[in-house]
Amino acid sequence: LGISHLYASPVWTASPESTHGYDVVDPGTVSETLGGEAGLRQLR
C-alpha cells in the first residue's frame, strides 16, 4: 500500500480488561496480551 510508518496505539501493559491500551498500568513493560517485548521486537 506504500505505508511509510505504522502508527500504533500504546503497547505498554494496560488494564486486564482494556480494549484499547490507553489505560496503561505498567509503562515499564510491553503488554503480554499483544505479544510482549519479543513480539514487539519481531514486529519492528
PDB file of all heavy atoms in Angstrom:
ATOM      1  N   LEU A   1       0.815  -1.222   0.000  1.00  0.00           N
ATOM      2  CA  LEU A   1       0.000   0.000   0.000  1.00  0.00           C
ATOM      3  C   LEU A   1       0.848   1.272   0.000  1.00  0.00           C
ATOM      4  O   LEU A   1       0.319   2.363  -0.162  1.00  0.00           O
ATOM      5  CB  LEU A   1      -0.918   0.018   1.229  1.00  0.00           C
ATOM      6  CG  LEU A   1      -2.052  -0.995   1.234  1.00  0.00           C
ATOM      7  CD1 LEU A   1      -2.727  -1.038   2.597  1.00  0.00           C
ATOM      8  CD2 LEU A   1      -3.063  -0.664   0.145  1.00  0.00           C
ATOM      9  N   GLY A   2       2.158   1.128   0.222  1.00  0.00           N
ATOM     10  CA  GLY A   2       3.035   2.295   0.247  1.00  0.00           C
ATOM     11  C   GLY A   2       3.102   2.974   1.605  1.00  0.00           C
ATOM     12  O   GLY A   2       3.485   4.139   1.708  1.00  0.00           O
ATOM     13  N   ILE A   3       2.753   2.249   2.660  1.00  0.00           N
ATOM     14  CA  ILE A   3       2.804   2.798   4.016  1.00  0.00           C
ATOM     15  C   ILE A   3       4.265   3.042   4.392  1.00  0.00           C
ATOM     16  O   ILE A   3       5.102   2.147   4.253  1.00  0.00           O
ATOM     17  CB  ILE A   3       2.142   1.824   5.022  1.00  0.00           C
ATOM     18  CG1 ILE A   3       0.680   1.554   4.647  1.00  0.00           C
ATOM     19  CG2 ILE A   3       2.281   2.334   6.454  1.00  0.00           C
ATOM     20  CD1 ILE A   3      -0.198   2.778   4.563  1.00  0.00           C
ATOM     21  N   SER A   4       4.569   4.253   4.859  1.00  0.00           N
ATOM     22  CA  SER A   4       5.944   4.548   5.281  1.00  0.00           C
ATOM     23  C   SER A   4       6.143   4.290   6.769  1.00  0.00           C
ATOM     24  O   SER A   4       7.248   3.986   7.207  1.00  0.00           O
ATOM     25  CB  SER A   4       6.317   5.998   4.961  1.00  0.00           C
ATOM     26  OG  SER A   4       5.585   6.896   5.775  1.00  0.00           O
ATOM     27  N   HIS A   5       5.057   4.437   7.552  1.00  0.00           N
ATOM     28  CA  HIS A   5       5.145   4.261   9.005  1.00  0.00           C
ATOM     29  C   HIS A   5       3.852   3.647   9.541  1.00  0.00           C
ATOM     30  O   HIS A   5       2.753   4.023   9.110  1.00  0.00           O
ATOM     31  CB  HIS A   5       5.369   5.594   9.718  1.00  0.00           C
ATOM     32  CG  HIS A   5       6.740   6.139   9.540  1.00  0.00           C
ATOM     33  ND1 HIS A   5       7.152   6.731   8.378  1.00  0.00           N
ATOM     34  CD2 HIS A   5       7.804   6.143  10.379  1.00  0.00           C
ATOM     35  CE1 HIS A   5       8.411   7.100   8.498  1.00  0.00           C
ATOM     36  NE2 HIS A   5       8.832   6.760   9.707  1.00  0.00           N
ATOM     37  N   LEU A   6       4.012   2.758  10.482  1.00  0.00           N
ATOM     38  CA  LEU A   6       2.888   2.220  11.216  1.00  0.00           C
ATOM     39  C   LEU A   6       2.750   3.068  12.478  1.00  0.00           C
ATOM     40  O   LEU A   6       3.729   3.268  13.202  1.00  0.00           O
ATOM     41  CB  LEU A   6       3.175   0.762  11.588  1.00  0.00           C
ATOM     42  CG  LEU A   6       2.001  -0.084  12.045  1.00  0.00           C
ATOM     43  CD1 LEU A   6       1.027  -0.274  10.899  1.00  0.00           C
ATOM     44  CD2 LEU A   6       2.510  -1.426  12.531  1.00  0.00           C
ATOM     45  N   TYR A   7       1.565   3.604  12.700  1.00  0.00           N
ATOM     46  CA  TYR A   7       1.297   4.422  13.886  1.00  0.00           C
ATOM     47  C   TYR A   7       0.472   3.569  14.837  1.00  0.00           C
ATOM     48  O   TYR A   7      -0.681   3.265  14.567  1.00  0.00           O
ATOM     49  CB  TYR A   7       0.561   5.690  13.480  1.00  0.00           C
ATOM     50  CG  TYR A   7       0.063   6.541  14.627  1.00  0.00           C
ATOM     51  CD1 TYR A   7       0.870   6.831  15.713  1.00  0.00           C
ATOM     52  CD2 TYR A   7      -1.225   7.071  14.613  1.00  0.00           C
ATOM     53  CE1 TYR A   7       0.414   7.617  16.756  1.00  0.00           C
ATOM     54  CE2 TYR A   7      -1.688   7.867  15.647  1.00  0.00           C
ATOM     55  CZ  TYR A   7      -0.867   8.120  16.712  1.00  0.00           C
ATOM     56  OH  TYR A   7      -1.329   8.892  17.745  1.00  0.00           O
ATOM     57  N   ALA A   8       1.079   3.115  15.931  1.00  0.00           N
ATOM     58  CA  ALA A   8       0.480   2.138  16.826  1.00  0.00           C
ATOM     59  C   ALA A   8      -0.108   2.761  18.080  1.00  0.00           C
ATOM     60  O   ALA A   8       0.465   3.683  18.653  1.00  0.00           O
ATOM     61  CB  ALA A   8       1.524   1.106  17.224  1.00  0.00           C
ATOM     62  N   SER A   9      -1.230   2.207  18.506  1.00  0.00           N
ATOM     63  CA  SER A   9      -1.778   2.552  19.811  1.00  0.00           C
ATOM     64  C   SER A   9      -0.762   2.132  20.869  1.00  0.00           C
ATOM     65  O   SER A   9       0.197   1.408  20.573  1.00  0.00           O
ATOM     66  CB  SER A   9      -3.110   1.824  20.015  1.00  0.00           C
ATOM     67  OG  SER A   9      -2.936   0.421  19.960  1.00  0.00           O
ATOM     68  N   PRO A  10      -0.934   2.553  22.131  1.00  0.00           N
ATOM     69  CA  PRO A  10       0.040   2.198  23.166  1.00  0.00           C
ATOM     70  C   PRO A  10       0.295   0.688  23.232  1.00  0.00           C
ATOM     71  O   PRO A  10      -0.620  -0.111  23.028  1.00  0.00           O
ATOM     72  CB  PRO A  10      -0.614   2.695  24.454  1.00  0.00           C
ATOM     73  CG  PRO A  10      -1.468   3.835  24.002  1.00  0.00           C
ATOM     74  CD  PRO A  10      -2.003   3.402  22.661  1.00  0.00           C
ATOM     75  N   VAL A  11       1.525   0.326  23.516  1.00  0.00           N
ATOM     76  CA  VAL A  11       1.917  -1.082  23.561  1.00  0.00           C
ATOM     77  C   VAL A  11       2.285  -1.532  24.977  1.00  0.00           C
ATOM     78  O   VAL A  11       2.652  -2.679  25.189  1.00  0.00           O
ATOM     79  CB  VAL A  11       3.106  -1.360  22.604  1.00  0.00           C
ATOM     80  CG1 VAL A  11       2.713  -1.046  21.170  1.00  0.00           C
ATOM     81  CG2 VAL A  11       4.344  -0.561  23.004  1.00  0.00           C
ATOM     82  N   TRP A  12       2.180  -0.642  25.945  1.00  0.00           N
ATOM     83  CA  TRP A  12       2.563  -0.971  27.320  1.00  0.00           C
ATOM     84  C   TRP A  12       1.465  -1.795  27.978  1.00  0.00           C
ATOM     85  O   TRP A  12       0.340  -1.866  27.498  1.00  0.00           O
ATOM     86  CB  TRP A  12       2.837   0.307  28.112  1.00  0.00           C
ATOM     87  CG  TRP A  12       3.602   1.311  27.303  1.00  0.00           C
ATOM     88  CD1 TRP A  12       3.205   2.572  26.989  1.00  0.00           C
ATOM     89  CD2 TRP A  12       4.873   1.133  26.652  1.00  0.00           C
ATOM     90  NE1 TRP A  12       4.154   3.183  26.187  1.00  0.00           N
ATOM     91  CE2 TRP A  12       5.175   2.318  25.965  1.00  0.00           C
ATOM     92  CE3 TRP A  12       5.769   0.074  26.573  1.00  0.00           C
ATOM     93  CZ2 TRP A  12       6.349   2.479  25.228  1.00  0.00           C
ATOM     94  CZ3 TRP A  12       6.926   0.228  25.836  1.00  0.00           C
ATOM     95  CH2 TRP A  12       7.206   1.422  25.185  1.00  0.00           C
ATOM     96  N   THR A  13       1.762  -2.368  29.109  1.00  0.00           N
ATOM     97  CA  THR A  13       0.792  -3.194  29.819  1.00  0.00           C
ATOM     98  C   THR A  13      -0.361  -2.328  30.314  1.00  0.00           C
ATOM     99  O   THR A  13      -0.161  -1.370  31.067  1.00  0.00           O
ATOM    100  CB  THR A  13       1.463  -3.931  30.998  1.00  0.00           C
ATOM    101  OG1 THR A  13       2.518  -4.741  30.469  1.00  0.00           O
ATOM    102  CG2 THR A  13       0.467  -4.789  31.752  1.00  0.00           C
ATOM    103  N   ALA A  14      -1.563  -2.675  29.867  1.00  0.00           N
ATOM    104  CA  ALA A  14      -2.771  -1.926  30.215  1.00  0.00           C
ATOM    105  C   ALA A  14      -3.633  -2.742  31.182  1.00  0.00           C
ATOM    106  O   ALA A  14      -3.306  -3.895  31.495  1.00  0.00           O
ATOM    107  CB  ALA A  14      -3.555  -1.607  28.949  1.00  0.00           C
ATOM    108  N   SER A  15      -4.717  -2.148  31.625  1.00  0.00           N
ATOM    109  CA  SER A  15      -5.663  -2.853  32.493  1.00  0.00           C
ATOM    110  C   SER A  15      -6.066  -4.169  31.830  1.00  0.00           C
ATOM    111  O   SER A  15      -6.205  -4.223  30.608  1.00  0.00           O
ATOM    112  CB  SER A  15      -6.918  -2.010  32.718  1.00  0.00           C
ATOM    113  OG  SER A  15      -6.596  -0.824  33.384  1.00  0.00           O
ATOM    114  N   PRO A  16      -6.267  -5.209  32.618  1.00  0.00           N
ATOM    115  CA  PRO A  16      -6.579  -6.519  32.035  1.00  0.00           C
ATOM    116  C   PRO A  16      -7.789  -6.504  31.089  1.00  0.00           C
ATOM    117  O   PRO A  16      -7.802  -7.228  30.109  1.00  0.00           O
ATOM    118  CB  PRO A  16      -6.869  -7.396  33.254  1.00  0.00           C
ATOM    119  CG  PRO A  16      -6.135  -6.747  34.376  1.00  0.00           C
ATOM    120  CD  PRO A  16      -6.165  -5.261  34.072  1.00  0.00           C
ATOM    121  N   GLU A  17      -8.757  -5.672  31.349  1.00  0.00           N
ATOM    122  CA  GLU A  17      -9.965  -5.635  30.514  1.00  0.00           C
ATOM    123  C   GLU A  17      -9.873  -4.609  29.384  1.00  0.00           C
ATOM    124  O   GLU A  17     -10.831  -4.397  28.645  1.00  0.00           O
ATOM    125  CB  GLU A  17     -11.200  -5.345  31.379  1.00  0.00           C
ATOM    126  CG  GLU A  17     -11.196  -3.999  32.070  1.00  0.00           C
ATOM    127  CD  GLU A  17     -10.379  -3.930  33.355  1.00  0.00           C
ATOM    128  OE1 GLU A  17      -9.870  -4.958  33.829  1.00  0.00           O
ATOM    129  OE2 GLU A  17     -10.247  -2.820  33.898  1.00  0.00           O
ATOM    130  N   SER A  18      -8.726  -4.008  29.197  1.00  0.00           N
ATOM    131  CA  SER A  18      -8.561  -2.961  28.194  1.00  0.00           C
ATOM    132  C   SER A  18      -8.817  -3.464  26.781  1.00  0.00           C
ATOM    133  O   SER A  18      -8.370  -4.540  26.402  1.00  0.00           O
ATOM    134  CB  SER A  18      -7.153  -2.378  28.262  1.00  0.00           C
ATOM    135  OG  SER A  18      -7.005  -1.367  27.288  1.00  0.00           O
ATOM    136  N   THR A  19      -9.532  -2.652  26.007  1.00  0.00           N
ATOM    137  CA  THR A  19      -9.759  -2.961  24.595  1.00  0.00           C
ATOM    138  C   THR A  19      -8.999  -1.999  23.694  1.00  0.00           C
ATOM    139  O   THR A  19      -9.091  -2.103  22.475  1.00  0.00           O
ATOM    140  CB  THR A  19     -11.255  -2.875  24.252  1.00  0.00           C
ATOM    141  OG1 THR A  19     -11.718  -1.558  24.549  1.00  0.00           O
ATOM    142  CG2 THR A  19     -12.065  -3.899  25.034  1.00  0.00           C
ATOM    143  N   HIS A  20      -8.242  -1.062  24.312  1.00  0.00           N
ATOM    144  CA  HIS A  20      -7.610  -0.009  23.515  1.00  0.00           C
ATOM    145  C   HIS A  20      -6.182   0.328  23.937  1.00  0.00           C
ATOM    146  O   HIS A  20      -5.451   0.935  23.174  1.00  0.00           O
ATOM    147  CB  HIS A  20      -8.457   1.256  23.559  1.00  0.00           C
ATOM    148  CG  HIS A  20      -8.890   1.616  24.948  1.00  0.00           C
ATOM    149  ND1 HIS A  20      -8.020   2.121  25.886  1.00  0.00           N
ATOM    150  CD2 HIS A  20     -10.090   1.502  25.541  1.00  0.00           C
ATOM    151  CE1 HIS A  20      -8.688   2.319  27.016  1.00  0.00           C
ATOM    152  NE2 HIS A  20      -9.934   1.942  26.836  1.00  0.00           N
ATOM    153  N   GLY A  21      -5.761  -0.033  25.131  1.00  0.00           N
ATOM    154  CA  GLY A  21      -4.395   0.206  25.564  1.00  0.00           C
ATOM    155  C   GLY A  21      -4.120   1.577  26.140  1.00  0.00           C
ATOM    156  O   GLY A  21      -3.000   1.851  26.577  1.00  0.00           O
ATOM    157  N   TYR A  22      -5.102   2.451  26.177  1.00  0.00           N
ATOM    158  CA  TYR A  22      -4.868   3.799  26.698  1.00  0.00           C
ATOM    159  C   TYR A  22      -5.042   3.884  28.211  1.00  0.00           C
ATOM    160  O   TYR A  22      -4.986   4.960  28.780  1.00  0.00           O
ATOM    161  CB  TYR A  22      -5.778   4.815  25.996  1.00  0.00           C
ATOM    162  CG  TYR A  22      -5.301   5.126  24.599  1.00  0.00           C
ATOM    163  CD1 TYR A  22      -5.763   4.402  23.514  1.00  0.00           C
ATOM    164  CD2 TYR A  22      -4.359   6.124  24.372  1.00  0.00           C
ATOM    165  CE1 TYR A  22      -5.307   4.673  22.228  1.00  0.00           C
ATOM    166  CE2 TYR A  22      -3.896   6.400  23.101  1.00  0.00           C
ATOM    167  CZ  TYR A  22      -4.376   5.675  22.031  1.00  0.00           C
ATOM    168  OH  TYR A  22      -3.914   5.940  20.774  1.00  0.00           O
ATOM    169  N   ASP A  23      -5.249   2.772  28.863  1.00  0.00           N
ATOM    170  CA  ASP A  23      -5.350   2.736  30.326  1.00  0.00           C
ATOM    171  C   ASP A  23      -4.181   1.923  30.876  1.00  0.00           C
ATOM    172  O   ASP A  23      -4.336   0.886  31.505  1.00  0.00           O
ATOM    173  CB  ASP A  23      -6.697   2.176  30.768  1.00  0.00           C
ATOM    174  CG  ASP A  23      -7.098   0.916  30.010  1.00  0.00           C
ATOM    175  OD1 ASP A  23      -6.333   0.465  29.136  1.00  0.00           O
ATOM    176  OD2 ASP A  23      -8.181   0.386  30.302  1.00  0.00           O
ATOM    177  N   VAL A  24      -2.997   2.441  30.629  1.00  0.00           N
ATOM    178  CA  VAL A  24      -1.744   1.773  30.989  1.00  0.00           C
ATOM    179  C   VAL A  24      -1.631   1.639  32.504  1.00  0.00           C
ATOM    180  O   VAL A  24      -1.889   2.587  33.240  1.00  0.00           O
ATOM    181  CB  VAL A  24      -0.546   2.579  30.430  1.00  0.00           C
ATOM    182  CG1 VAL A  24       0.773   2.016  30.928  1.00  0.00           C
ATOM    183  CG2 VAL A  24      -0.595   2.605  28.905  1.00  0.00           C
ATOM    184  N   VAL A  25      -1.239   0.450  32.940  1.00  0.00           N
ATOM    185  CA  VAL A  25      -1.000   0.241  34.373  1.00  0.00           C
ATOM    186  C   VAL A  25       0.465  -0.046  34.664  1.00  0.00           C
ATOM    187  O   VAL A  25       0.887   0.009  35.814  1.00  0.00           O
ATOM    188  CB  VAL A  25      -1.887  -0.883  34.965  1.00  0.00           C
ATOM    189  CG1 VAL A  25      -3.349  -0.491  34.893  1.00  0.00           C
ATOM    190  CG2 VAL A  25      -1.642  -2.218  34.294  1.00  0.00           C
ATOM    191  N   ASP A  26       1.260  -0.357  33.635  1.00  0.00           N
ATOM    192  CA  ASP A  26       2.694  -0.551  33.824  1.00  0.00           C
ATOM    193  C   ASP A  26       3.434  -0.074  32.578  1.00  0.00           C
ATOM    194  O   ASP A  26       3.621  -0.837  31.627  1.00  0.00           O
ATOM    195  CB  ASP A  26       3.020  -2.012  34.101  1.00  0.00           C
ATOM    196  CG  ASP A  26       4.485  -2.223  34.471  1.00  0.00           C
ATOM    197  OD1 ASP A  26       5.286  -1.252  34.362  1.00  0.00           O
ATOM    198  OD2 ASP A  26       4.848  -3.345  34.868  1.00  0.00           O
ATOM    199  N   PRO A  27       3.867   1.191  32.607  1.00  0.00           N
ATOM    200  CA  PRO A  27       4.573   1.728  31.446  1.00  0.00           C
ATOM    201  C   PRO A  27       5.992   1.195  31.297  1.00  0.00           C
ATOM    202  O   PRO A  27       6.696   1.562  30.359  1.00  0.00           O
ATOM    203  CB  PRO A  27       4.574   3.235  31.706  1.00  0.00           C
ATOM    204  CG  PRO A  27       4.509   3.350  33.184  1.00  0.00           C
ATOM    205  CD  PRO A  27       3.688   2.185  33.655  1.00  0.00           C
ATOM    206  N   GLY A  28       6.398   0.302  32.163  1.00  0.00           N
ATOM    207  CA  GLY A  28       7.736  -0.263  32.091  1.00  0.00           C
ATOM    208  C   GLY A  28       7.781  -1.618  31.404  1.00  0.00           C
ATOM    209  O   GLY A  28       8.852  -2.183  31.233  1.00  0.00           O
ATOM    210  N   THR A  29       6.610  -2.138  31.017  1.00  0.00           N
ATOM    211  CA  THR A  29       6.582  -3.439  30.353  1.00  0.00           C
ATOM    212  C   THR A  29       5.683  -3.386  29.130  1.00  0.00           C
ATOM    213  O   THR A  29       4.682  -2.677  29.104  1.00  0.00           O
ATOM    214  CB  THR A  29       6.058  -4.553  31.287  1.00  0.00           C
ATOM    215  OG1 THR A  29       4.720  -4.243  31.681  1.00  0.00           O
ATOM    216  CG2 THR A  29       6.947  -4.712  32.515  1.00  0.00           C
ATOM    217  N   VAL A  30       6.055  -4.163  28.129  1.00  0.00           N
ATOM    218  CA  VAL A  30       5.245  -4.293  26.917  1.00  0.00           C
ATOM    219  C   VAL A  30       4.166  -5.335  27.200  1.00  0.00           C
ATOM    220  O   VAL A  30       4.427  -6.377  27.803  1.00  0.00           O
ATOM    221  CB  VAL A  30       6.120  -4.725  25.720  1.00  0.00           C
ATOM    222  CG1 VAL A  30       5.269  -4.942  24.474  1.00  0.00           C
ATOM    223  CG2 VAL A  30       7.201  -3.673  25.447  1.00  0.00           C
ATOM    224  N   SER A  31       2.961  -5.055  26.754  1.00  0.00           N
ATOM    225  CA  SER A  31       1.813  -5.914  27.013  1.00  0.00           C
ATOM    226  C   SER A  31       2.017  -7.347  26.531  1.00  0.00           C
ATOM    227  O   SER A  31       2.271  -7.589  25.355  1.00  0.00           O
ATOM    228  CB  SER A  31       0.575  -5.334  26.329  1.00  0.00           C
ATOM    229  OG  SER A  31      -0.504  -6.244  26.394  1.00  0.00           O
ATOM    230  N   GLU A  32       1.887  -8.285  27.431  1.00  0.00           N
ATOM    231  CA  GLU A  32       1.952  -9.705  27.064  1.00  0.00           C
ATOM    232  C   GLU A  32       0.749 -10.087  26.209  1.00  0.00           C
ATOM    233  O   GLU A  32       0.845 -10.967  25.359  1.00  0.00           O
ATOM    234  CB  GLU A  32       2.038 -10.587  28.315  1.00  0.00           C
ATOM    235  CG  GLU A  32       3.367 -10.496  29.036  1.00  0.00           C
ATOM    236  CD  GLU A  32       4.556 -10.947  28.188  1.00  0.00           C
ATOM    237  OE1 GLU A  32       4.403 -11.870  27.353  1.00  0.00           O
ATOM    238  OE2 GLU A  32       5.648 -10.371  28.353  1.00  0.00           O
ATOM    239  N   THR A  33      -0.377  -9.426  26.422  1.00  0.00           N
ATOM    240  CA  THR A  33      -1.568  -9.685  25.615  1.00  0.00           C
ATOM    241  C   THR A  33      -1.297  -9.419  24.140  1.00  0.00           C
ATOM    242  O   THR A  33      -1.809 -10.118  23.264  1.00  0.00           O
ATOM    243  CB  THR A  33      -2.748  -8.802  26.099  1.00  0.00           C
ATOM    244  OG1 THR A  33      -3.020  -9.109  27.465  1.00  0.00           O
ATOM    245  CG2 THR A  33      -3.987  -9.013  25.262  1.00  0.00           C
ATOM    246  N   LEU A  34      -0.469  -8.427  23.882  1.00  0.00           N
ATOM    247  CA  LEU A  34      -0.151  -8.059  22.496  1.00  0.00           C
ATOM    248  C   LEU A  34       0.980  -8.893  21.905  1.00  0.00           C
ATOM    249  O   LEU A  34       1.162  -8.911  20.687  1.00  0.00           O
ATOM    250  CB  LEU A  34       0.216  -6.573  22.421  1.00  0.00           C
ATOM    251  CG  LEU A  34      -0.818  -5.599  22.958  1.00  0.00           C
ATOM    252  CD1 LEU A  34      -0.326  -4.169  22.796  1.00  0.00           C
ATOM    253  CD2 LEU A  34      -2.163  -5.799  22.288  1.00  0.00           C
ATOM    254  N   GLY A  35       1.754  -9.548  22.759  1.00  0.00           N
ATOM    255  CA  GLY A  35       2.880 -10.355  22.287  1.00  0.00           C
ATOM    256  C   GLY A  35       4.166 -10.119  23.048  1.00  0.00           C
ATOM    257  O   GLY A  35       5.200 -10.702  22.730  1.00  0.00           O
ATOM    258  N   GLY A  36       4.116  -9.226  24.033  1.00  0.00           N
ATOM    259  CA  GLY A  36       5.284  -8.965  24.864  1.00  0.00           C
ATOM    260  C   GLY A  36       6.413  -8.277  24.115  1.00  0.00           C
ATOM    261  O   GLY A  36       6.293  -7.922  22.933  1.00  0.00           O
ATOM    262  N   GLU A  37       7.510  -8.084  24.830  1.00  0.00           N
ATOM    263  CA  GLU A  37       8.656  -7.389  24.241  1.00  0.00           C
ATOM    264  C   GLU A  37       9.214  -8.141  23.031  1.00  0.00           C
ATOM    265  O   GLU A  37       9.586  -7.536  22.024  1.00  0.00           O
ATOM    266  CB  GLU A  37       9.748  -7.177  25.291  1.00  0.00           C
ATOM    267  CG  GLU A  37      10.898  -6.338  24.768  1.00  0.00           C
ATOM    268  CD  GLU A  37      11.917  -5.978  25.829  1.00  0.00           C
ATOM    269  OE1 GLU A  37      11.588  -6.006  27.031  1.00  0.00           O
ATOM    270  OE2 GLU A  37      13.055  -5.649  25.432  1.00  0.00           O
ATOM    271  N   ALA A  38       9.247  -9.462  23.117  1.00  0.00           N
ATOM    272  CA  ALA A  38       9.763 -10.252  21.986  1.00  0.00           C
ATOM    273  C   ALA A  38       8.902 -10.036  20.745  1.00  0.00           C
ATOM    274  O   ALA A  38       9.426  -9.873  19.636  1.00  0.00           O
ATOM    275  CB  ALA A  38       9.818 -11.735  22.352  1.00  0.00           C
ATOM    276  N   GLY A  39       7.591 -10.010  20.923  1.00  0.00           N
ATOM    277  CA  GLY A  39       6.693  -9.781  19.796  1.00  0.00           C
ATOM    278  C   GLY A  39       6.854  -8.399  19.199  1.00  0.00           C
ATOM    279  O   GLY A  39       6.809  -8.228  17.969  1.00  0.00           O
ATOM    280  N   LEU A  40       7.064  -7.413  20.056  1.00  0.00           N
ATOM    281  CA  LEU A  40       7.273  -6.052  19.574  1.00  0.00           C
ATOM    282  C   LEU A  40       8.576  -5.959  18.788  1.00  0.00           C
ATOM    283  O   LEU A  40       8.639  -5.318  17.729  1.00  0.00           O
ATOM    284  CB  LEU A  40       7.277  -5.061  20.740  1.00  0.00           C
ATOM    285  CG  LEU A  40       7.484  -3.590  20.382  1.00  0.00           C
ATOM    286  CD1 LEU A  40       6.416  -3.097  19.407  1.00  0.00           C
ATOM    287  CD2 LEU A  40       7.502  -2.732  21.645  1.00  0.00           C
ATOM    288  N   ARG A  41       9.604  -6.628  19.264  1.00  0.00           N
ATOM    289  CA  ARG A  41      10.883  -6.635  18.536  1.00  0.00           C
ATOM    290  C   ARG A  41      10.736  -7.326  17.176  1.00  0.00           C
ATOM    291  O   ARG A  41      11.302  -6.883  16.177  1.00  0.00           O
ATOM    292  CB  ARG A  41      11.970  -7.309  19.376  1.00  0.00           C
ATOM    293  CG  ARG A  41      12.427  -6.469  20.551  1.00  0.00           C
ATOM    294  CD  ARG A  41      13.499  -7.195  21.373  1.00  0.00           C
ATOM    295  NE  ARG A  41      13.833  -6.464  22.561  1.00  0.00           N
ATOM    296  CZ  ARG A  41      14.722  -5.472  22.618  1.00  0.00           C
ATOM    297  NH1 ARG A  41      15.353  -5.100  21.523  1.00  0.00           N
ATOM    298  NH2 ARG A  41      14.973  -4.863  23.753  1.00  0.00           N
ATOM    299  N   GLN A  42       9.965  -8.404  17.133  1.00  0.00           N
ATOM    300  CA  GLN A  42       9.729  -9.095  15.859  1.00  0.00           C
ATOM    301  C   GLN A  42       8.969  -8.186  14.895  1.00  0.00           C
ATOM    302  O   GLN A  42       9.272  -8.151  13.695  1.00  0.00           O
ATOM    303  CB  GLN A  42       8.965 -10.396  16.088  1.00  0.00           C
ATOM    304  CG  GLN A  42       9.777 -11.455  16.782  1.00  0.00           C
ATOM    305  CD  GLN A  42       8.927 -12.642  17.208  1.00  0.00           C
ATOM    306  OE1 GLN A  42       7.703 -12.607  17.193  1.00  0.00           O
ATOM    307  NE2 GLN A  42       9.603 -13.713  17.611  1.00  0.00           N
ATOM    308  N   LEU A  43       7.990  -7.447  15.413  1.00  0.00           N
ATOM    309  CA  LEU A  43       7.248  -6.502  14.572  1.00  0.00           C
ATOM    310  C   LEU A  43       8.191  -5.438  14.034  1.00  0.00           C
ATOM    311  O   LEU A  43       8.181  -5.122  12.844  1.00  0.00           O
ATOM    312  CB  LEU A  43       6.102  -5.866  15.356  1.00  0.00           C
ATOM    313  CG  LEU A  43       5.348  -4.746  14.632  1.00  0.00           C
ATOM    314  CD1 LEU A  43       4.747  -5.236  13.316  1.00  0.00           C
ATOM    315  CD2 LEU A  43       4.285  -4.154  15.546  1.00  0.00           C
ATOM    316  N   ARG A  44       9.016  -4.898  14.923  1.00  0.00           N
ATOM    317  CA  ARG A  44       9.979  -3.886  14.494  1.00  0.00           C
ATOM    318  C   ARG A  44      10.873  -4.417  13.381  1.00  0.00           C
ATOM    319  O   ARG A  44      11.096  -3.753  12.369  1.00  0.00           O
ATOM    320  CB  ARG A  44      10.831  -3.439  15.682  1.00  0.00           C
ATOM    321  CG  ARG A  44      11.919  -2.426  15.285  1.00  0.00           C
ATOM    322  CD  ARG A  44      13.119  -2.456  16.184  1.00  0.00           C
ATOM    323  NE  ARG A  44      13.720  -3.777  16.241  1.00  0.00           N
ATOM    324  CZ  ARG A  44      14.516  -4.189  17.216  1.00  0.00           C
ATOM    325  NH1 ARG A  44      14.806  -3.395  18.223  1.00  0.00           N
ATOM    326  NH2 ARG A  44      15.027  -5.405  17.205  1.00  0.00           N
TER     327      ARG A  44
END
